[in-house]
Amino acid sequence: MKRRLIAILIGGSLVLFTSLFFLFEKKKNGSNVITLFGNVDVRQVDISFRVPGRIETMFFEEGQYVPKGTLMTQIEKQPYIDEVDKAKALIESVRASLENAIEIAKRREALVEEGAVSAEDYQNALTQKEVLTGQLKEAEASLRVNAKNLEDCEVASPSNGIILTRVKEIGSVVKQADPVYTVSLTDPIWVRAFVAEPLLGQIYPDMPADVYTDSSNLPVYKGHIGFISPVAEFTPKTVETLDLRTDLVYRLRIIVDNPDWGLKQGMPVTIKLHPRGQRSHGNKGDLDPKSL
């Protein structure tokens, strides 16, 4: 009798322990967590000149990091320096002619009242003054354009990034907007994913997300939903979801809040979206992507 009682107590304890364990695990992992799959998206920018010319210097190679505002390349400046000097000389010439025309108009204004100069000559002097005034404004605008062209002989990095491709080499003659470098920006970095239509009502802008990679040495990246497409589409063949591939899905953009060098263009990742009040503590051991 005593042995039977002990066995009942042990069995009951095991049942209670197992129940508590599963309740704890359910609470810990969050029963409402939405699991998605996606790929890392990194913005790229083509570095090019706004003006044509011959490339004189290129300061970076493929794979190098480029801080924002760093001079990357430049074309020969002398043709544009000459254009600036030409515009300055034209301004000086027109300004001198205008000053002379102003003086002539003043003298003829006094003489026309005395009858020494005809009204037609006076009117011609005023017209010449107006013409030269317009020419001066045109010359000053030309100087500004040429000064801007000279400034655009140099190209700086628009943002922090990594050189993906060195398209041109020193000595190459490039046209306007010809790519010289292709740069992968380090910020922003986001994940492109798709959510099935039945789950659409559970997500919202700025919804917290954890991003997991297949690399065990990389951390869990924190992020949030930055964009929810208002248009439905069929699931792309490259996207895996827990539902049928023929279901309609909506595209999401998950902004990564703490990106680093570990996230690369096109890298497959797993995303866990957390309803309000639920968020993991960043322990990568909480999720095994292969088990999903």
Protein backbone atom coordinates (compact mmCIF):
# COMPACT_ATOMS: atom_id res chain seq x y z
CA MET A 1 0.00 0.00 0.00
CA LYS A 2 2.79 2.37 0.90
CA ARG A 3 4.63 1.59 -2.38
CA ARG A 4 1.48 2.23 -4.37
CA LEU A 5 1.01 5.57 -2.65
CA ILE A 6 4.62 6.54 -3.37
CA ALA A 7 4.21 5.58 -7.02
CA ILE A 8 1.04 7.67 -7.29
CA LEU A 9 2.79 10.66 -5.74
CA ILE A 10 5.79 10.32 -8.09
CA GLY A 11 3.53 9.97 -11.13
CA GLY A 12 1.48 12.97 -10.11
CA SER A 13 4.62 15.01 -9.58
CA LEU A 14 5.88 14.14 -13.07
CA VAL A 15 2.56 15.11 -14.65
CA LEU A 16 2.53 18.41 -12.77
CA PHE A 17 6.16 19.13 -13.65
CA THR A 18 5.57 18.35 -17.34
CA SER A 19 2.48 20.55 -17.45
CA LEU A 20 4.28 23.44 -15.81
CA PHE A 21 7.24 23.00 -18.14
CA PHE A 22 5.13 23.21 -21.29
CA LEU A 23 3.19 26.16 -19.95
CA PHE A 24 6.45 27.94 -19.22
CA GLU A 25 7.85 27.18 -22.66
CA LYS A 26 4.64 28.34 -24.33
CA LYS A 27 4.76 31.60 -22.44
CA LYS A 28 8.46 31.98 -23.08
CA ASN A 29 8.33 31.43 -26.84
CA GLY A 30 5.06 33.30 -27.36
CA SER A 31 2.24 31.37 -28.93
CA ASN A 32 1.31 34.30 -31.19
CA VAL A 33 4.76 34.84 -32.70
CA ILE A 34 4.57 35.03 -36.52
CA THR A 35 7.45 33.34 -38.33
CA LEU A 36 8.37 34.49 -41.85
CA PHE A 37 11.22 33.94 -44.27
CA GLY A 38 12.91 36.58 -46.40
CA ASN A 39 16.11 37.99 -47.83
CA VAL A 40 18.34 40.90 -46.92
CA ASP A 41 18.01 43.96 -49.14
CA VAL A 42 20.82 46.50 -49.36
CA ARG A 43 20.57 49.74 -51.32
CA GLN A 44 23.09 50.31 -54.07
CA VAL A 45 24.06 53.54 -55.79
CA ASP A 46 25.92 54.14 -59.06
CA ILE A 47 28.57 56.82 -58.69
CA SER A 48 28.81 58.94 -61.85
CA PHE A 49 29.77 62.40 -63.08
CA ARG A 50 27.21 65.05 -63.94
CA VAL A 51 29.55 66.33 -66.67
CA PRO A 52 31.56 64.48 -69.32
CA GLY A 53 35.33 64.24 -69.33
CA ARG A 54 38.44 62.06 -68.99
CA ILE A 55 38.95 60.32 -65.65
CA GLU A 56 42.09 61.62 -63.96
CA THR A 57 42.06 59.87 -60.57
CA MET A 58 40.23 56.98 -58.86
CA PHE A 59 40.97 56.55 -55.18
CA PHE A 60 39.25 53.27 -54.25
CA GLU A 61 39.27 49.60 -55.18
CA GLU A 62 36.53 46.99 -54.96
CA GLY A 63 35.76 45.89 -51.42
CA GLN A 64 37.02 49.06 -49.73
CA TYR A 65 34.89 50.96 -47.24
CA VAL A 66 34.03 54.54 -48.22
CA PRO A 67 32.88 57.05 -45.54
CA LYS A 68 30.25 59.59 -46.47
CA GLY A 69 31.67 62.72 -48.11
CA THR A 70 34.96 61.08 -49.15
CA LEU A 71 36.34 62.09 -52.55
CA MET A 72 36.15 59.01 -54.78
CA THR A 73 37.14 60.12 -58.28
CA GLN A 74 37.65 63.17 -60.50
CA ILE A 75 37.94 64.06 -64.17
CA GLU A 76 40.30 66.54 -65.83
CA LYS A 77 39.42 70.03 -64.65
CA GLN A 78 41.31 72.23 -67.09
CA PRO A 79 38.56 72.45 -69.77
CA TYR A 80 36.08 73.55 -67.10
CA ILE A 81 38.57 75.97 -65.53
CA ASP A 82 38.93 77.57 -68.97
CA GLU A 83 35.15 77.88 -69.27
CA VAL A 84 34.99 79.62 -65.88
CA ASP A 85 37.76 82.04 -66.89
CA LYS A 86 35.95 82.73 -70.17
CA ALA A 87 32.71 83.50 -68.33
CA LYS A 88 34.53 85.85 -65.94
CA ALA A 89 36.16 87.71 -68.85
CA LEU A 90 32.79 88.07 -70.57
CA ILE A 91 31.29 89.55 -67.41
CA GLU A 92 34.07 92.11 -67.18
CA SER A 93 33.61 93.08 -70.83
CA VAL A 94 29.82 93.42 -70.61
CA ARG A 95 30.04 95.32 -67.32
CA ALA A 96 32.46 97.84 -68.87
CA SER A 97 30.16 98.32 -71.88
CA LEU A 98 27.17 98.73 -69.57
CA GLU A 99 28.91 101.40 -67.48
CA ASN A 100 29.70 103.30 -70.67
CA ALA A 101 26.12 102.94 -71.91
CA ILE A 102 24.79 104.30 -68.61
CA GLU A 103 27.01 107.38 -68.92
CA ILE A 104 25.94 107.97 -72.52
CA ALA A 105 22.28 107.72 -71.54
CA LYS A 106 22.80 110.26 -68.75
CA ARG A 107 24.52 112.76 -71.06
CA ARG A 108 21.87 112.39 -73.78
CA GLU A 109 19.13 112.88 -71.22
CA ALA A 110 20.56 116.30 -70.40
CA LEU A 111 21.18 117.17 -74.04
CA VAL A 112 17.77 116.14 -75.29
CA GLU A 113 16.15 118.75 -73.03
CA GLU A 114 18.37 121.40 -74.65
CA GLY A 115 17.55 120.15 -78.14
CA ALA A 116 21.17 119.19 -78.87
CA VAL A 117 20.28 115.49 -79.18
CA SER A 118 17.17 114.02 -80.76
CA ALA A 119 14.70 112.05 -78.71
CA GLU A 120 15.44 109.05 -80.93
CA ASP A 121 19.15 109.08 -80.01
CA TYR A 122 18.26 109.27 -76.33
CA GLN A 123 15.86 106.34 -76.70
CA ASN A 124 18.54 104.32 -78.50
CA ALA A 125 20.93 104.96 -75.58
CA LEU A 126 18.33 103.71 -73.10
CA THR A 127 17.71 100.62 -75.22
CA GLN A 128 21.43 99.87 -75.41
CA LYS A 129 21.65 100.14 -71.62
CA GLU A 130 18.81 97.66 -71.21
CA VAL A 131 20.35 95.24 -73.71
CA LEU A 132 23.70 95.31 -71.93
CA THR A 133 21.96 94.84 -68.55
CA GLY A 134 20.37 91.66 -69.88
CA GLN A 135 23.67 90.47 -71.32
CA LEU A 136 25.35 90.98 -67.94
CA LYS A 137 22.73 88.85 -66.21
CA GLU A 138 23.18 86.17 -68.85
CA ALA A 139 26.98 86.22 -68.42
CA GLU A 140 26.64 85.96 -64.63
CA ALA A 141 24.31 82.96 -65.02
CA SER A 142 26.81 81.37 -67.40
CA LEU A 143 29.53 81.81 -64.78
CA ARG A 144 27.39 80.05 -62.18
CA VAL A 145 26.74 77.15 -64.55
CA ASN A 146 30.40 76.76 -65.40
CA ALA A 147 31.43 77.05 -61.76
CA LYS A 148 29.00 74.23 -60.94
CA ASN A 149 30.40 72.13 -63.79
CA LEU A 150 33.88 72.65 -62.41
CA GLU A 151 32.72 71.62 -58.95
CA ASP A 152 31.15 68.47 -60.42
CA CYS A 153 34.49 67.34 -61.80
CA GLU A 154 34.89 65.71 -58.37
CA VAL A 155 32.51 63.09 -56.97
CA ALA A 156 32.21 62.27 -53.25
CA SER A 157 30.47 59.33 -51.63
CA PRO A 158 26.82 60.19 -50.86
CA SER A 159 26.76 57.82 -47.88
CA ASN A 160 28.82 55.27 -45.98
CA GLY A 161 29.26 52.21 -48.18
CA ILE A 162 31.41 49.49 -49.67
CA ILE A 163 32.73 49.49 -53.23
CA LEU A 164 31.02 46.64 -55.11
CA THR A 165 32.29 47.37 -58.59
CA ARG A 166 34.95 49.62 -60.10
CA VAL A 167 33.37 50.16 -63.50
CA LYS A 168 35.87 52.56 -65.15
CA GLU A 169 39.61 53.11 -65.02
CA ILE A 170 41.90 56.15 -65.12
CA GLY A 171 42.06 57.57 -68.63
CA SER A 172 38.56 56.50 -69.62
CA VAL A 173 36.43 59.14 -71.28
CA VAL A 174 32.98 59.13 -69.68
CA LYS A 175 29.74 60.69 -70.72
CA GLN A 176 27.31 62.35 -68.39
CA ALA A 177 25.85 59.82 -65.88
CA ASP A 178 28.15 56.95 -66.94
CA PRO A 179 28.67 54.71 -63.85
CA VAL A 180 32.19 54.81 -62.46
CA TYR A 181 31.68 52.94 -59.17
CA THR A 182 28.82 50.89 -57.72
CA VAL A 183 28.53 51.31 -53.95
CA SER A 184 26.58 49.16 -51.50
CA LEU A 185 25.25 51.39 -48.73
CA THR A 186 25.67 50.22 -45.13
CA ASP A 187 22.54 52.00 -43.97
CA PRO A 188 19.64 51.53 -44.28
CA ILE A 189 19.48 47.71 -44.43
CA TRP A 190 16.17 45.94 -44.52
CA VAL A 191 14.67 42.50 -45.08
CA ARG A 192 12.16 41.80 -47.82
CA ALA A 193 9.56 39.26 -46.70
CA PHE A 194 6.00 38.24 -47.48
CA VAL A 195 3.07 37.61 -45.15
CA ALA A 196 0.04 35.49 -46.02
CA GLU A 197 -3.32 37.27 -46.23
CA PRO A 198 -4.84 35.53 -43.16
CA LEU A 199 -2.04 36.95 -40.99
CA LEU A 200 -2.33 40.49 -42.35
CA GLY A 201 -4.63 41.63 -39.56
CA GLN A 202 -2.05 40.68 -36.92
CA ILE A 203 0.75 42.91 -38.14
CA TYR A 204 1.12 46.68 -38.04
CA PRO A 205 3.72 49.39 -38.83
CA ASP A 206 6.64 49.52 -36.37
CA MET A 207 5.80 46.01 -35.15
CA PRO A 208 8.91 44.58 -33.39
CA ALA A 209 10.82 41.87 -35.22
CA ASP A 210 13.81 39.62 -34.63
CA VAL A 211 15.94 38.67 -37.62
CA TYR A 212 17.88 35.39 -37.56
CA THR A 213 20.55 34.29 -40.04
CA ASP A 214 21.86 30.79 -40.72
CA SER A 215 25.29 31.76 -39.34
CA SER A 216 25.73 30.67 -35.73
CA ASN A 217 28.30 33.37 -35.01
CA LEU A 218 25.98 36.25 -35.95
CA PRO A 219 23.70 37.90 -33.39
CA VAL A 220 19.93 38.18 -33.44
CA TYR A 221 19.22 41.45 -35.24
CA LYS A 222 16.47 43.70 -33.92
CA GLY A 223 14.16 45.48 -36.29
CA HIS A 224 10.66 46.68 -37.01
CA ILE A 225 8.18 46.71 -39.86
CA GLY A 226 8.78 49.80 -41.93
CA PHE A 227 6.43 49.11 -44.85
CA ILE A 228 3.39 46.94 -45.56
CA SER A 229 2.38 46.75 -49.19
CA PRO A 230 -1.25 47.73 -49.86
CA VAL A 231 -1.30 45.47 -52.93
CA ALA A 232 -1.62 41.67 -52.84
CA GLU A 233 0.51 39.46 -55.08
CA PHE A 234 1.23 35.80 -55.64
CA THR A 235 4.05 34.29 -53.58
CA PRO A 236 7.37 34.49 -55.50
CA LYS A 237 8.95 31.11 -56.19
CA THR A 238 12.04 32.06 -54.19
CA VAL A 239 10.01 32.77 -51.04
CA GLU A 240 9.13 30.04 -48.55
CA THR A 241 6.10 30.37 -46.34
CA LEU A 242 4.25 28.06 -44.01
CA ASP A 243 1.17 28.20 -46.25
CA LEU A 244 0.60 27.13 -49.83
CA ARG A 245 2.70 28.94 -52.41
CA THR A 246 -0.38 29.79 -54.45
CA ASP A 247 -1.81 31.93 -51.64
CA LEU A 248 -1.90 35.68 -52.01
CA VAL A 249 0.70 37.47 -49.90
CA TYR A 250 1.65 41.02 -49.02
CA ARG A 251 5.19 42.31 -49.21
CA LEU A 252 6.83 43.58 -46.02
CA ARG A 253 9.94 45.62 -45.41
CA ILE A 254 11.56 44.97 -42.04
CA ILE A 255 14.03 47.71 -41.15
CA VAL A 256 17.07 46.38 -39.27
CA ASP A 257 17.79 48.63 -36.29
CA ASN A 258 21.29 47.30 -35.52
CA PRO A 259 22.89 46.30 -38.85
CA ASP A 260 26.54 45.29 -39.09
CA TRP A 261 28.95 43.71 -41.57
CA GLY A 262 27.29 40.31 -41.12
CA LEU A 263 24.25 41.16 -43.24
CA LYS A 264 24.91 40.78 -46.96
CA GLN A 265 22.82 41.43 -50.04
CA GLY A 266 20.43 38.54 -50.73
CA MET A 267 21.21 36.64 -47.50
CA PRO A 268 18.29 34.38 -46.49
CA VAL A 269 16.96 35.12 -43.01
CA THR A 270 14.16 34.07 -40.67
CA ILE A 271 11.94 36.73 -39.13
CA LYS A 272 9.91 36.47 -35.96
CA LEU A 273 7.25 39.14 -35.55
CA HIS A 274 6.13 39.79 -31.98
CA PRO A 275 2.64 40.98 -31.06
CA ARG A 276 2.35 43.86 -28.63
CA GLY A 277 4.12 43.16 -25.35
CA GLN A 278 6.11 40.16 -26.66
CA ARG A 279 9.77 40.34 -27.60
CA SER A 280 12.58 37.83 -27.33
CA HIS A 281 15.71 38.63 -25.36
CA GLY A 282 18.06 38.04 -28.26
CA ASN A 283 19.08 34.46 -27.40
CA LYS A 284 19.71 32.80 -30.73
CA GLY A 285 19.30 29.42 -29.12
CA ASP A 286 15.57 30.12 -28.80
CA LEU A 287 15.11 29.47 -32.52
CA ASP A 288 16.31 26.73 -34.80
CA PRO A 289 15.34 27.78 -38.35
CA LYS A 290 15.65 24.16 -39.53
CA SER A 291 12.89 23.13 -37.15
CA LEU A 292 10.35 25.57 -38.57
